[in-house]
Amino acid sequence: MELRVIDKTDEELRIEIGGEDHTFMNVLKGELLQTDTITAATYDVNPEQSGGQTDPVLSIKTEPGVDPLDALAEAARGVQRTADEFTDAYRVGIDA
């Protein structure tokens, strides 16, 4: 996975996430939208200016005073926690 910041302000971030598709992007967007300090989160895999399919571009907007990179990092940790919980539940289920 490669990350490339396209645009960043104090409360907004646009970042390209190389090598990912709707599966990962929907999970990440969902985690972001569950965060109180995120006011908007969306992604696009075919921006109008691209002329065709691209790697996903994630757009985030945060509450004033919340760095969008910090919010993204916290959401990524949340995705990891969810994946770990699923793995643990799966292991318990197959051992039962």
N, C-alpha and C. Protein backbone atom coordinates (compact mmCIF):
# COMPACT_ATOMS: atom_id res chain seq x y z
N MET A 1 0.85 -1.17 0.00
CA MET A 1 0.00 0.00 0.00
C MET A 1 0.90 1.23 0.00
N GLU A 2 0.61 2.12 -0.91
CA GLU A 2 1.35 3.38 -0.98
C GLU A 2 0.39 4.53 -0.72
N LEU A 3 0.84 5.50 0.08
CA LEU A 3 0.03 6.66 0.40
C LEU A 3 0.68 7.90 -0.20
N ARG A 4 -0.16 8.76 -0.80
CA ARG A 4 0.35 10.00 -1.36
C ARG A 4 -0.63 11.12 -1.01
N VAL A 5 -0.16 12.07 -0.22
CA VAL A 5 -1.00 13.21 0.15
C VAL A 5 -1.16 14.10 -1.07
N ILE A 6 -2.39 14.34 -1.44
CA ILE A 6 -2.70 15.19 -2.58
C ILE A 6 -2.88 16.63 -2.11
N ASP A 7 -3.60 16.79 -1.00
CA ASP A 7 -3.88 18.12 -0.48
C ASP A 7 -4.14 17.99 1.01
N LYS A 8 -3.63 18.95 1.79
CA LYS A 8 -3.87 18.93 3.23
C LYS A 8 -3.98 20.35 3.74
N THR A 9 -5.02 20.58 4.54
CA THR A 9 -5.16 21.83 5.28
C THR A 9 -5.29 21.45 6.75
N ASP A 10 -5.57 22.44 7.59
CA ASP A 10 -5.70 22.16 9.02
C ASP A 10 -6.84 21.19 9.33
N GLU A 11 -7.89 21.19 8.48
CA GLU A 11 -9.07 20.37 8.78
C GLU A 11 -9.52 19.50 7.62
N GLU A 12 -8.76 19.46 6.54
CA GLU A 12 -9.13 18.61 5.41
C GLU A 12 -7.91 17.88 4.86
N LEU A 13 -8.18 16.71 4.32
CA LEU A 13 -7.11 15.87 3.76
C LEU A 13 -7.64 15.14 2.54
N ARG A 14 -6.86 15.12 1.48
CA ARG A 14 -7.12 14.27 0.32
C ARG A 14 -5.86 13.44 0.14
N ILE A 15 -6.01 12.12 0.16
CA ILE A 15 -4.86 11.23 0.10
C ILE A 15 -5.16 10.06 -0.82
N GLU A 16 -4.22 9.74 -1.69
CA GLU A 16 -4.36 8.60 -2.59
C GLU A 16 -3.83 7.37 -1.87
N ILE A 17 -4.58 6.29 -1.94
CA ILE A 17 -4.20 5.05 -1.26
C ILE A 17 -3.99 3.99 -2.33
N GLY A 18 -2.74 3.79 -2.69
CA GLY A 18 -2.39 2.91 -3.80
C GLY A 18 -2.60 1.44 -3.50
N GLY A 19 -3.12 0.74 -4.49
CA GLY A 19 -3.26 -0.71 -4.41
C GLY A 19 -4.48 -1.20 -3.68
N GLU A 20 -5.37 -0.32 -3.29
CA GLU A 20 -6.57 -0.74 -2.57
C GLU A 20 -7.80 -0.60 -3.46
N ASP A 21 -8.90 -1.22 -3.00
CA ASP A 21 -10.14 -1.17 -3.77
C ASP A 21 -11.30 -0.86 -2.82
N HIS A 22 -12.52 -1.06 -3.31
CA HIS A 22 -13.71 -0.73 -2.53
C HIS A 22 -13.76 -1.48 -1.20
N THR A 23 -13.27 -2.70 -1.16
CA THR A 23 -13.36 -3.51 0.06
C THR A 23 -12.69 -2.79 1.23
N PHE A 24 -11.44 -2.44 1.08
CA PHE A 24 -10.72 -1.76 2.15
C PHE A 24 -11.25 -0.34 2.36
N MET A 25 -11.51 0.36 1.27
CA MET A 25 -11.92 1.76 1.39
C MET A 25 -13.25 1.90 2.12
N ASN A 26 -14.18 1.00 1.90
CA ASN A 26 -15.46 1.06 2.62
C ASN A 26 -15.27 0.83 4.11
N VAL A 27 -14.39 -0.09 4.47
CA VAL A 27 -14.12 -0.35 5.88
C VAL A 27 -13.49 0.88 6.53
N LEU A 28 -12.49 1.46 5.87
CA LEU A 28 -11.81 2.63 6.41
C LEU A 28 -12.78 3.82 6.50
N LYS A 29 -13.54 4.05 5.46
CA LYS A 29 -14.52 5.15 5.48
C LYS A 29 -15.53 4.95 6.61
N GLY A 30 -16.00 3.72 6.78
CA GLY A 30 -16.94 3.43 7.86
C GLY A 30 -16.37 3.73 9.23
N GLU A 31 -15.11 3.37 9.42
CA GLU A 31 -14.45 3.65 10.70
C GLU A 31 -14.31 5.16 10.91
N LEU A 32 -13.94 5.87 9.86
CA LEU A 32 -13.83 7.32 9.96
C LEU A 32 -15.16 7.97 10.32
N LEU A 33 -16.24 7.51 9.70
CA LEU A 33 -17.55 8.10 9.95
C LEU A 33 -18.09 7.80 11.35
N GLN A 34 -17.52 6.83 12.03
CA GLN A 34 -17.92 6.53 13.40
C GLN A 34 -17.17 7.39 14.42
N THR A 35 -16.25 8.21 13.94
CA THR A 35 -15.44 9.06 14.80
C THR A 35 -16.11 10.43 14.96
N ASP A 36 -16.31 10.86 16.19
CA ASP A 36 -17.02 12.11 16.46
C ASP A 36 -16.34 13.33 15.85
N THR A 37 -15.03 13.32 15.74
CA THR A 37 -14.30 14.49 15.25
C THR A 37 -14.24 14.57 13.73
N ILE A 38 -14.77 13.56 13.04
CA ILE A 38 -14.82 13.56 11.57
C ILE A 38 -16.18 14.09 11.14
N THR A 39 -16.18 15.14 10.33
CA THR A 39 -17.45 15.69 9.85
C THR A 39 -17.82 15.14 8.49
N ALA A 40 -16.84 14.64 7.74
CA ALA A 40 -17.11 14.04 6.43
C ALA A 40 -15.97 13.12 6.05
N ALA A 41 -16.31 12.02 5.40
CA ALA A 41 -15.31 11.09 4.88
C ALA A 41 -15.91 10.40 3.66
N THR A 42 -15.18 10.42 2.57
CA THR A 42 -15.62 9.77 1.35
C THR A 42 -14.40 9.38 0.53
N TYR A 43 -14.63 8.56 -0.48
CA TYR A 43 -13.53 8.24 -1.38
C TYR A 43 -14.07 8.12 -2.79
N ASP A 44 -13.14 8.22 -3.73
CA ASP A 44 -13.49 8.13 -5.15
C ASP A 44 -12.39 7.33 -5.85
N VAL A 45 -12.78 6.41 -6.70
CA VAL A 45 -11.79 5.64 -7.45
C VAL A 45 -11.71 6.07 -8.91
N ASN A 46 -12.48 7.08 -9.25
CA ASN A 46 -12.45 7.55 -10.63
C ASN A 46 -12.70 9.05 -10.68
N PRO A 47 -11.79 9.83 -10.10
CA PRO A 47 -11.98 11.28 -10.13
C PRO A 47 -12.10 11.79 -11.56
N GLU A 48 -12.93 12.80 -11.76
CA GLU A 48 -13.17 13.33 -13.10
C GLU A 48 -11.88 13.71 -13.82
N GLN A 49 -10.93 14.26 -13.11
CA GLN A 49 -9.71 14.72 -13.75
C GLN A 49 -8.76 13.58 -14.11
N SER A 50 -9.05 12.36 -13.67
CA SER A 50 -8.10 11.27 -13.89
C SER A 50 -8.14 10.71 -15.30
N GLY A 51 -9.28 10.82 -15.95
CA GLY A 51 -9.40 10.25 -17.28
C GLY A 51 -9.60 8.75 -17.27
N GLY A 52 -9.79 8.16 -16.12
CA GLY A 52 -9.99 6.72 -16.03
C GLY A 52 -9.78 6.21 -14.62
N GLN A 53 -9.74 4.91 -14.48
CA GLN A 53 -9.59 4.28 -13.18
C GLN A 53 -8.28 4.70 -12.52
N THR A 54 -8.36 5.00 -11.24
CA THR A 54 -7.18 5.37 -10.47
C THR A 54 -7.19 4.62 -9.15
N ASP A 55 -6.13 4.79 -8.40
CA ASP A 55 -6.15 4.32 -7.02
C ASP A 55 -7.13 5.21 -6.26
N PRO A 56 -7.72 4.68 -5.19
CA PRO A 56 -8.71 5.46 -4.46
C PRO A 56 -8.12 6.74 -3.87
N VAL A 57 -8.94 7.79 -3.89
CA VAL A 57 -8.59 9.05 -3.25
C VAL A 57 -9.57 9.25 -2.10
N LEU A 58 -9.03 9.27 -0.88
CA LEU A 58 -9.82 9.45 0.33
C LEU A 58 -9.86 10.93 0.69
N SER A 59 -11.04 11.43 0.99
CA SER A 59 -11.21 12.82 1.43
C SER A 59 -11.79 12.82 2.83
N ILE A 60 -11.17 13.58 3.70
CA ILE A 60 -11.58 13.66 5.10
C ILE A 60 -11.71 15.12 5.49
N LYS A 61 -12.74 15.42 6.27
CA LYS A 61 -12.89 16.74 6.88
C LYS A 61 -13.13 16.53 8.37
N THR A 62 -12.41 17.30 9.19
CA THR A 62 -12.50 17.14 10.64
C THR A 62 -13.07 18.39 11.30
N GLU A 63 -13.42 18.23 12.57
CA GLU A 63 -13.82 19.37 13.40
C GLU A 63 -12.62 20.32 13.52
N PRO A 64 -12.88 21.59 13.78
CA PRO A 64 -11.77 22.52 13.99
C PRO A 64 -10.84 22.05 15.10
N GLY A 65 -9.55 22.17 14.86
CA GLY A 65 -8.55 21.78 15.86
C GLY A 65 -8.12 20.33 15.80
N VAL A 66 -8.73 19.53 14.93
CA VAL A 66 -8.38 18.11 14.81
C VAL A 66 -7.61 17.90 13.52
N ASP A 67 -6.36 17.47 13.63
CA ASP A 67 -5.54 17.23 12.45
C ASP A 67 -6.08 16.01 11.70
N PRO A 68 -6.37 16.15 10.41
CA PRO A 68 -6.93 15.02 9.67
C PRO A 68 -5.98 13.83 9.57
N LEU A 69 -4.68 14.06 9.59
CA LEU A 69 -3.74 12.93 9.58
C LEU A 69 -3.83 12.14 10.88
N ASP A 70 -3.99 12.83 11.99
CA ASP A 70 -4.17 12.14 13.27
C ASP A 70 -5.48 11.35 13.28
N ALA A 71 -6.53 11.94 12.73
CA ALA A 71 -7.83 11.26 12.66
C ALA A 71 -7.73 10.01 11.79
N LEU A 72 -7.02 10.11 10.68
CA LEU A 72 -6.83 8.95 9.80
C LEU A 72 -6.04 7.86 10.52
N ALA A 73 -5.00 8.24 11.23
CA ALA A 73 -4.20 7.25 11.98
C ALA A 73 -5.05 6.53 13.02
N GLU A 74 -5.90 7.28 13.72
CA GLU A 74 -6.77 6.66 14.72
C GLU A 74 -7.77 5.71 14.07
N ALA A 75 -8.32 6.11 12.92
CA ALA A 75 -9.25 5.23 12.21
C ALA A 75 -8.54 3.96 11.75
N ALA A 76 -7.32 4.07 11.30
CA ALA A 76 -6.56 2.89 10.88
C ALA A 76 -6.35 1.94 12.06
N ARG A 77 -6.06 2.51 13.23
CA ARG A 77 -5.93 1.67 14.43
C ARG A 77 -7.27 0.99 14.76
N GLY A 78 -8.37 1.70 14.54
CA GLY A 78 -9.69 1.11 14.77
C GLY A 78 -9.96 -0.05 13.84
N VAL A 79 -9.58 0.08 12.57
CA VAL A 79 -9.73 -1.01 11.61
C VAL A 79 -8.91 -2.21 12.07
N GLN A 80 -7.70 -1.96 12.55
CA GLN A 80 -6.85 -3.05 13.03
C GLN A 80 -7.46 -3.74 14.24
N ARG A 81 -8.02 -2.96 15.17
CA ARG A 81 -8.67 -3.56 16.34
C ARG A 81 -9.84 -4.45 15.92
N THR A 82 -10.64 -3.98 14.98
CA THR A 82 -11.78 -4.76 14.49
C THR A 82 -11.30 -6.06 13.84
N ALA A 83 -10.26 -5.98 13.03
CA ALA A 83 -9.72 -7.17 12.38
C ALA A 83 -9.18 -8.15 13.43
N ASP A 84 -8.52 -7.64 14.45
CA ASP A 84 -8.01 -8.50 15.52
C ASP A 84 -9.15 -9.19 16.28
N GLU A 85 -10.22 -8.43 16.57
CA GLU A 85 -11.37 -9.02 17.26
C GLU A 85 -12.02 -10.11 16.41
N PHE A 86 -12.12 -9.87 15.12
CA PHE A 86 -12.69 -10.87 14.22
C PHE A 86 -11.82 -12.12 14.20
N THR A 87 -10.51 -11.94 14.12
CA THR A 87 -9.60 -13.07 14.10
C THR A 87 -9.72 -13.89 15.39
N ASP A 88 -9.78 -13.20 16.53
CA ASP A 88 -9.93 -13.90 17.80
C ASP A 88 -11.25 -14.68 17.86
N ALA A 89 -12.34 -14.06 17.43
CA ALA A 89 -13.64 -14.74 17.44
C ALA A 89 -13.64 -15.93 16.49
N TYR A 90 -12.99 -15.79 15.36
CA TYR A 90 -12.89 -16.88 14.39
C TYR A 90 -12.14 -18.06 15.01
N ARG A 91 -11.04 -17.79 15.65
CA ARG A 91 -10.23 -18.86 16.28
C ARG A 91 -11.03 -19.58 17.35
N VAL A 92 -11.76 -18.82 18.15
CA VAL A 92 -12.60 -19.43 19.19
C VAL A 92 -13.68 -20.31 18.52
N GLY A 93 -14.25 -19.81 17.45
CA GLY A 93 -15.30 -20.54 16.75
C GLY A 93 -14.83 -21.85 16.13
N ILE A 94 -13.63 -21.86 15.56
CA ILE A 94 -13.17 -23.09 14.94
C ILE A 94 -12.63 -24.09 15.95
N ASP A 95 -12.29 -23.60 17.14
CA ASP A 95 -11.81 -24.50 18.20
C ASP A 95 -12.95 -25.09 19.02
N ALA A 96 -14.16 -24.58 18.83
CA ALA A 96 -15.31 -25.03 19.63
C ALA A 96 -15.79 -26.38 19.18
